[in-house]
């Protein structure tokens, strides 16, 4: 059964607090974005400004060129999972080994232009794959349905891999992602821009669970 992780993507501490408060009553898992303003043109709040919801596990999504330089700060946050980008220029294998040494799961994200063939050899070594279906670092935007074929391609290589979809998700596109085989929906604007974030969350969660 699939599930939903509300995305926290904020450029100011005030907006970060608003988004955390939006989902605090109902979130069972979070997806927290950190952008360095270089790898992605969006600079979010920094690692030192991040906090979670007590008792709610979270995935830390690092949209940055050299996450290995922030290892101690990452560990201090105690994420369940750290997601880095295939396209970022650093030693992925060495960083993954460091994460595993402190019992943090390893995730990889692929941007829309990256093919599954490019990451074929990496997939069996990770716990989680994020297939991007929108513009990296931006809330909302166009949904790239053509990227959903990557889910089946990745699953053929690593059948037990947890696969998330991130970018442009709403009730219509969430259903497409689930039908394509996603295990997790990373949902941002559809929840945070809703008149009632909890109702929006319940709507996509029902799709993820197959009850809607």
C-alpha atoms as a PDB file:
ATOM      1  CA  UNK A   1       0.000   0.000   0.000  1.00  0.00           C
ATOM      2  CA  UNK A   2       1.289   3.445  -0.904  1.00  0.00           C
ATOM      3  CA  UNK A   3       1.307   6.514   1.322  1.00  0.00           C
ATOM      4  CA  UNK A   4       1.693  10.290   1.281  1.00  0.00           C
ATOM      5  CA  UNK A   5       4.533  12.422   2.638  1.00  0.00           C
ATOM      6  CA  UNK A   6       3.730  16.139   2.747  1.00  0.00           C
ATOM      7  CA  UNK A   7       6.640  18.116   1.346  1.00  0.00           C
ATOM      8  CA  UNK A   8       8.161  20.986   3.308  1.00  0.00           C
ATOM      9  CA  UNK A   9       9.857  23.347   0.851  1.00  0.00           C
ATOM     10  CA  UNK A  10      10.341  26.821   2.303  1.00  0.00           C
ATOM     11  CA  UNK A  11      12.655  29.744   1.649  1.00  0.00           C
ATOM     12  CA  UNK A  12      12.087  31.536   4.960  1.00  0.00           C
ATOM     13  CA  UNK A  13      11.782  30.371   8.576  1.00  0.00           C
ATOM     14  CA  UNK A  14       8.282  31.874   8.690  1.00  0.00           C
ATOM     15  CA  UNK A  15       7.114  29.882   5.685  1.00  0.00           C
ATOM     16  CA  UNK A  16       8.765  26.768   7.091  1.00  0.00           C
ATOM     17  CA  UNK A  17       6.826  27.162  10.330  1.00  0.00           C
ATOM     18  CA  UNK A  18       3.579  27.710   8.389  1.00  0.00           C
ATOM     19  CA  UNK A  19       4.062  24.547   6.378  1.00  0.00           C
ATOM     20  CA  UNK A  20       4.980  22.457   9.416  1.00  0.00           C
ATOM     21  CA  UNK A  21       1.892  23.760  11.237  1.00  0.00           C
ATOM     22  CA  UNK A  22      -0.263  22.988   8.171  1.00  0.00           C
ATOM     23  CA  UNK A  23       0.508  19.278   8.379  1.00  0.00           C
ATOM     24  CA  UNK A  24       1.203  18.803  12.078  1.00  0.00           C
ATOM     25  CA  UNK A  25      -2.295  17.470  12.896  1.00  0.00           C
ATOM     26  CA  UNK A  26      -2.185  14.598  10.392  1.00  0.00           C
ATOM     27  CA  UNK A  27       1.235  13.874   8.840  1.00  0.00           C
ATOM     28  CA  UNK A  28       2.664  10.400   9.430  1.00  0.00           C
ATOM     29  CA  UNK A  29       5.780  11.017   7.320  1.00  0.00           C
ATOM     30  CA  UNK A  30       7.432  14.177   6.010  1.00  0.00           C
ATOM     31  CA  UNK A  31       9.604  15.020   3.015  1.00  0.00           C
ATOM     32  CA  UNK A  32      11.822  18.008   3.852  1.00  0.00           C
ATOM     33  CA  UNK A  33      13.629  19.838   1.044  1.00  0.00           C
ATOM     34  CA  UNK A  34      16.972  21.581   1.459  1.00  0.00           C
ATOM     35  CA  UNK A  35      18.208  23.550  -1.556  1.00  0.00           C
ATOM     36  CA  UNK A  36      21.608  25.244  -1.735  1.00  0.00           C
ATOM     37  CA  UNK A  37      20.652  27.763  -4.437  1.00  0.00           C
ATOM     38  CA  UNK A  38      23.386  26.307  -6.671  1.00  0.00           C
ATOM     39  CA  UNK A  39      22.377  22.775  -7.612  1.00  0.00           C
ATOM     40  CA  UNK A  40      18.840  24.111  -7.779  1.00  0.00           C
ATOM     41  CA  UNK A  41      18.051  27.783  -8.284  1.00  0.00           C
ATOM     42  CA  UNK A  42      15.946  27.762  -5.122  1.00  0.00           C
ATOM     43  CA  UNK A  43      17.692  28.390  -1.828  1.00  0.00           C
ATOM     44  CA  UNK A  44      15.603  27.044   1.009  1.00  0.00           C
ATOM     45  CA  UNK A  45      16.055  27.390   4.738  1.00  0.00           C
ATOM     46  CA  UNK A  46      19.332  25.793   5.806  1.00  0.00           C
ATOM     47  CA  UNK A  47      19.971  22.629   7.762  1.00  0.00           C
ATOM     48  CA  UNK A  48      20.407  24.634  10.969  1.00  0.00           C
ATOM     49  CA  UNK A  49      16.854  26.036  10.574  1.00  0.00           C
ATOM     50  CA  UNK A  50      15.125  22.706  10.048  1.00  0.00           C
ATOM     51  CA  UNK A  51      13.018  20.976  12.654  1.00  0.00           C
ATOM     52  CA  UNK A  52      10.509  18.175  12.456  1.00  0.00           C
ATOM     53  CA  UNK A  53       7.267  17.129  14.103  1.00  0.00           C
ATOM     54  CA  UNK A  54       7.836  15.118  17.259  1.00  0.00           C
ATOM     55  CA  UNK A  55       7.294  11.438  16.594  1.00  0.00           C
ATOM     56  CA  UNK A  56       6.932  11.822  12.809  1.00  0.00           C
ATOM     57  CA  UNK A  57       9.718  10.257  10.695  1.00  0.00           C
ATOM     58  CA  UNK A  58      11.043  12.379   7.867  1.00  0.00           C
ATOM     59  CA  UNK A  59      12.994  12.065   4.650  1.00  0.00           C
ATOM     60  CA  UNK A  60      15.660  14.723   4.132  1.00  0.00           C
ATOM     61  CA  UNK A  61      15.948  15.664   0.467  1.00  0.00           C
ATOM     62  CA  UNK A  62      19.257  17.374  -0.265  1.00  0.00           C
ATOM     63  CA  UNK A  63      19.120  19.448  -3.438  1.00  0.00           C
ATOM     64  CA  UNK A  64      22.771  20.431  -3.201  1.00  0.00           C
ATOM     65  CA  UNK A  65      26.099  19.853  -4.873  1.00  0.00           C
ATOM     66  CA  UNK A  66      28.192  18.634  -1.924  1.00  0.00           C
ATOM     67  CA  UNK A  67      26.052  17.148   0.861  1.00  0.00           C
ATOM     68  CA  UNK A  68      29.054  15.279   2.248  1.00  0.00           C
ATOM     69  CA  UNK A  69      30.326  18.574   3.640  1.00  0.00           C
ATOM     70  CA  UNK A  70      27.271  18.760   5.910  1.00  0.00           C
ATOM     71  CA  UNK A  71      27.381  15.236   7.322  1.00  0.00           C
ATOM     72  CA  UNK A  72      27.443  16.213  11.003  1.00  0.00           C
ATOM     73  CA  UNK A  73      24.541  18.652  10.598  1.00  0.00           C
ATOM     74  CA  UNK A  74      22.564  15.985   8.745  1.00  0.00           C
ATOM     75  CA  UNK A  75      23.167  13.411  11.468  1.00  0.00           C
ATOM     76  CA  UNK A  76      22.111  15.879  14.164  1.00  0.00           C
ATOM     77  CA  UNK A  77      18.658  16.098  12.567  1.00  0.00           C
ATOM     78  CA  UNK A  78      18.205  12.309  12.800  1.00  0.00           C
ATOM     79  CA  UNK A  79      16.335  11.732   9.526  1.00  0.00           C
ATOM     80  CA  UNK A  80      15.080   8.254   8.688  1.00  0.00           C
ATOM     81  CA  UNK A  81      16.285   8.642   5.119  1.00  0.00           C
ATOM     82  CA  UNK A  82      18.593  11.004   3.224  1.00  0.00           C
ATOM     83  CA  UNK A  83      17.962  11.573  -0.478  1.00  0.00           C
ATOM     84  CA  UNK A  84      20.691  12.992  -2.701  1.00  0.00           C
ATOM     85  CA  UNK A  85      20.713  13.661  -6.441  1.00  0.00           C
ATOM     86  CA  UNK A  86      22.349  11.487  -9.047  1.00  0.00           C
ATOM     87  CA  UNK A  87      23.164  14.661 -10.985  1.00  0.00           C
ATOM     88  CA  UNK A  88      25.097  16.281  -8.101  1.00  0.00           C
ATOM     89  CA  UNK A  89      28.919  16.159  -8.336  1.00  0.00           C
ATOM     90  CA  UNK A  90      30.137  14.189  -5.319  1.00  0.00           C
ATOM     91  CA  UNK A  91      31.136  10.650  -4.342  1.00  0.00           C
ATOM     92  CA  UNK A  92      27.735   8.985  -3.929  1.00  0.00           C
ATOM     93  CA  UNK A  93      29.115   5.627  -2.841  1.00  0.00           C
ATOM     94  CA  UNK A  94      31.290   7.089  -0.076  1.00  0.00           C
ATOM     95  CA  UNK A  95      28.459   9.263   1.227  1.00  0.00           C
ATOM     96  CA  UNK A  96      26.036   6.332   1.221  1.00  0.00           C
ATOM     97  CA  UNK A  97      28.537   4.328   3.280  1.00  0.00           C
ATOM     98  CA  UNK A  98      28.734   7.165   5.821  1.00  0.00           C
ATOM     99  CA  UNK A  99      24.946   7.322   6.097  1.00  0.00           C
ATOM    100  CA  UNK A 100      24.622   3.590   6.609  1.00  0.00           C
ATOM    101  CA  UNK A 101      27.291   3.706   9.316  1.00  0.00           C
ATOM    102  CA  UNK A 102      24.869   5.764  11.434  1.00  0.00           C
ATOM    103  CA  UNK A 103      21.761   3.747  10.445  1.00  0.00           C
ATOM    104  CA  UNK A 104      20.332   6.315   8.019  1.00  0.00           C
ATOM    105  CA  UNK A 105      18.666   4.906   4.916  1.00  0.00           C
ATOM    106  CA  UNK A 106      19.982   5.910   1.505  1.00  0.00           C
ATOM    107  CA  UNK A 107      17.839   7.514  -1.177  1.00  0.00           C
ATOM    108  CA  UNK A 108      18.530   8.761  -4.686  1.00  0.00           C
ATOM    109  CA  UNK A 109      16.578  11.295  -6.722  1.00  0.00           C
ATOM    110  CA  UNK A 110      16.602  11.543 -10.501  1.00  0.00           C
ATOM    111  CA  UNK A 111      15.627  14.688 -12.356  1.00  0.00           C
ATOM    112  CA  UNK A 112      13.353  14.577 -15.392  1.00  0.00           C
ATOM    113  CA  UNK A 113      16.254  14.421 -17.854  1.00  0.00           C
ATOM    114  CA  UNK A 114      17.981  11.464 -16.155  1.00  0.00           C
ATOM    115  CA  UNK A 115      17.177   7.984 -17.432  1.00  0.00           C
ATOM    116  CA  UNK A 116      16.898   4.833 -15.333  1.00  0.00           C
ATOM    117  CA  UNK A 117      19.614   3.259 -17.491  1.00  0.00           C
ATOM    118  CA  UNK A 118      22.021   5.896 -16.141  1.00  0.00           C
ATOM    119  CA  UNK A 119      21.392   4.750 -12.554  1.00  0.00           C
ATOM    120  CA  UNK A 120      20.956   1.030 -13.251  1.00  0.00           C
ATOM    121  CA  UNK A 121      24.023  -0.020 -11.235  1.00  0.00           C
ATOM    122  CA  UNK A 122      23.092   2.186  -8.262  1.00  0.00           C
ATOM    123  CA  UNK A 123      19.496   1.032  -7.784  1.00  0.00           C
ATOM    124  CA  UNK A 124      20.268  -2.296  -6.061  1.00  0.00           C
ATOM    125  CA  UNK A 125      22.435  -0.451  -3.498  1.00  0.00           C
ATOM    126  CA  UNK A 126      19.840   2.079  -2.273  1.00  0.00           C
ATOM    127  CA  UNK A 127      16.633   1.981  -0.214  1.00  0.00           C
ATOM    128  CA  UNK A 128      14.566   4.641  -1.964  1.00  0.00           C
ATOM    129  CA  UNK A 129      14.249   6.296  -5.367  1.00  0.00           C
ATOM    130  CA  UNK A 130      12.555   9.628  -6.087  1.00  0.00           C
ATOM    131  CA  UNK A 131      11.302  10.045  -9.637  1.00  0.00           C
ATOM    132  CA  UNK A 132      10.912  13.736 -10.352  1.00  0.00           C
ATOM    133  CA  UNK A 133       7.905  14.714 -12.431  1.00  0.00           C
ATOM    134  CA  UNK A 134       8.255  18.481 -12.053  1.00  0.00           C
ATOM    135  CA  UNK A 135      10.771  21.310 -11.806  1.00  0.00           C
ATOM    136  CA  UNK A 136      13.285  20.690  -9.056  1.00  0.00           C
ATOM    137  CA  UNK A 137      12.913  22.875  -5.975  1.00  0.00           C
ATOM    138  CA  UNK A 138       9.720  24.621  -7.061  1.00  0.00           C
ATOM    139  CA  UNK A 139       6.301  24.255  -5.479  1.00  0.00           C
ATOM    140  CA  UNK A 140       3.593  23.387  -7.980  1.00  0.00           C
ATOM    141  CA  UNK A 141       4.243  23.482 -11.706  1.00  0.00           C
ATOM    142  CA  UNK A 142       3.744  21.203 -14.687  1.00  0.00           C
ATOM    143  CA  UNK A 143       3.456  17.460 -14.143  1.00  0.00           C
ATOM    144  CA  UNK A 144       5.597  15.356 -16.484  1.00  0.00           C
ATOM    145  CA  UNK A 145       3.586  12.175 -16.922  1.00  0.00           C
ATOM    146  CA  UNK A 146       6.187  10.788 -19.336  1.00  0.00           C
ATOM    147  CA  UNK A 147       8.562  10.360 -16.375  1.00  0.00           C
ATOM    148  CA  UNK A 148       6.262   7.773 -14.778  1.00  0.00           C
ATOM    149  CA  UNK A 149       7.618   5.063 -17.066  1.00  0.00           C
ATOM    150  CA  UNK A 150      10.777   5.211 -14.956  1.00  0.00           C
ATOM    151  CA  UNK A 151       8.910   3.520 -12.104  1.00  0.00           C
ATOM    152  CA  UNK A 152       8.405   0.246 -13.975  1.00  0.00           C
ATOM    153  CA  UNK A 153      11.918   0.446 -15.386  1.00  0.00           C
ATOM    154  CA  UNK A 154      13.418   0.842 -11.909  1.00  0.00           C
ATOM    155  CA  UNK A 155      11.186  -1.859 -10.447  1.00  0.00           C
ATOM    156  CA  UNK A 156      12.411  -4.322 -13.077  1.00  0.00           C
ATOM    157  CA  UNK A 157      15.970  -3.766 -11.842  1.00  0.00           C
ATOM    158  CA  UNK A 158      15.240  -3.586  -8.108  1.00  0.00           C
ATOM    159  CA  UNK A 159      11.815  -5.118  -7.320  1.00  0.00           C
ATOM    160  CA  UNK A 160      11.724  -4.228  -3.609  1.00  0.00           C
ATOM    161  CA  UNK A 161      12.827  -0.607  -3.997  1.00  0.00           C
ATOM    162  CA  UNK A 162      10.608   2.050  -2.427  1.00  0.00           C
ATOM    163  CA  UNK A 163       9.784   4.511  -5.221  1.00  0.00           C
ATOM    164  CA  UNK A 164       8.403   7.999  -4.659  1.00  0.00           C
ATOM    165  CA  UNK A 165       7.046  10.531  -7.134  1.00  0.00           C
ATOM    166  CA  UNK A 166       7.680  14.223  -6.574  1.00  0.00           C
ATOM    167  CA  UNK A 167       6.429  17.205  -8.571  1.00  0.00           C
ATOM    168  CA  UNK A 168       3.049  18.543  -9.628  1.00  0.00           C
ATOM    169  CA  UNK A 169       0.957  16.054  -7.676  1.00  0.00           C
ATOM    170  CA  UNK A 170      -2.765  16.572  -7.172  1.00  0.00           C
ATOM    171  CA  UNK A 171      -5.787  14.245  -7.150  1.00  0.00           C
ATOM    172  CA  UNK A 172      -5.514  13.537 -10.873  1.00  0.00           C
ATOM    173  CA  UNK A 173      -1.745  13.130 -11.148  1.00  0.00           C
ATOM    174  CA  UNK A 174      -1.497  11.256  -7.848  1.00  0.00           C
ATOM    175  CA  UNK A 175      -3.755   8.585  -9.316  1.00  0.00           C
ATOM    176  CA  UNK A 176      -1.514   8.361 -12.381  1.00  0.00           C
ATOM    177  CA  UNK A 177       1.539   7.932 -10.140  1.00  0.00           C
ATOM    178  CA  UNK A 178      -0.099   5.198  -8.061  1.00  0.00           C
ATOM    179  CA  UNK A 179      -1.306   3.373 -11.174  1.00  0.00           C
ATOM    180  CA  UNK A 180       2.270   3.520 -12.484  1.00  0.00           C
ATOM    181  CA  UNK A 181       3.472   1.729  -9.343  1.00  0.00           C
ATOM    182  CA  UNK A 182       4.665   4.427  -6.935  1.00  0.00           C
ATOM    183  CA  UNK A 183       4.900   3.547  -3.226  1.00  0.00           C
ATOM    184  CA  UNK A 184       5.021   7.115  -1.973  1.00  0.00           C
ATOM    185  CA  UNK A 185       3.629  10.485  -3.042  1.00  0.00           C
ATOM    186  CA  UNK A 186       5.644  13.549  -2.033  1.00  0.00           C
ATOM    187  CA  UNK A 187       2.948  16.224  -2.116  1.00  0.00           C
ATOM    188  CA  UNK A 188       3.571  19.936  -1.607  1.00  0.00           C
ATOM    189  CA  UNK A 189       1.398  22.678  -3.063  1.00  0.00           C
ATOM    190  CA  UNK A 190      -1.766  20.603  -3.363  1.00  0.00           C
ATOM    191  CA  UNK A 191      -1.759  20.305   0.425  1.00  0.00           C
ATOM    192  CA  UNK A 192      -0.245  23.616   1.482  1.00  0.00           C
ATOM    193  CA  UNK A 193      -2.239  25.821  -0.898  1.00  0.00           C
ATOM    194  CA  UNK A 194      -5.541  24.136  -0.100  1.00  0.00           C
ATOM    195  CA  UNK A 195      -8.219  25.943   1.873  1.00  0.00           C
ATOM    196  CA  UNK A 196      -8.118  22.980   4.247  1.00  0.00           C
ATOM    197  CA  UNK A 197      -4.745  21.131   4.090  1.00  0.00           C
ATOM    198  CA  UNK A 198      -6.098  18.130   5.978  1.00  0.00           C
ATOM    199  CA  UNK A 199      -8.926  17.561   3.505  1.00  0.00           C
ATOM    200  CA  UNK A 200      -6.428  17.778   0.635  1.00  0.00           C
ATOM    201  CA  UNK A 201      -4.155  15.286   2.391  1.00  0.00           C
ATOM    202  CA  UNK A 202      -7.028  12.872   3.023  1.00  0.00           C
ATOM    203  CA  UNK A 203      -7.969  13.051  -0.668  1.00  0.00           C
ATOM    204  CA  UNK A 204      -4.521  12.022  -1.920  1.00  0.00           C
ATOM    205  CA  UNK A 205      -4.031   9.519   0.909  1.00  0.00           C
ATOM    206  CA  UNK A 206      -7.240   7.765  -0.173  1.00  0.00           C
ATOM    207  CA  UNK A 207      -5.841   7.513  -3.686  1.00  0.00           C
ATOM    208  CA  UNK A 208      -2.543   6.148  -2.338  1.00  0.00           C
ATOM    209  CA  UNK A 209      -4.402   3.540  -0.266  1.00  0.00           C
ATOM    210  CA  UNK A 210      -6.645   2.572  -3.167  1.00  0.00           C
ATOM    211  CA  UNK A 211      -9.838   3.559  -1.365  1.00  0.00           C
ATOM    212  CA  UNK A 212     -10.744   6.378  -3.745  1.00  0.00           C
END
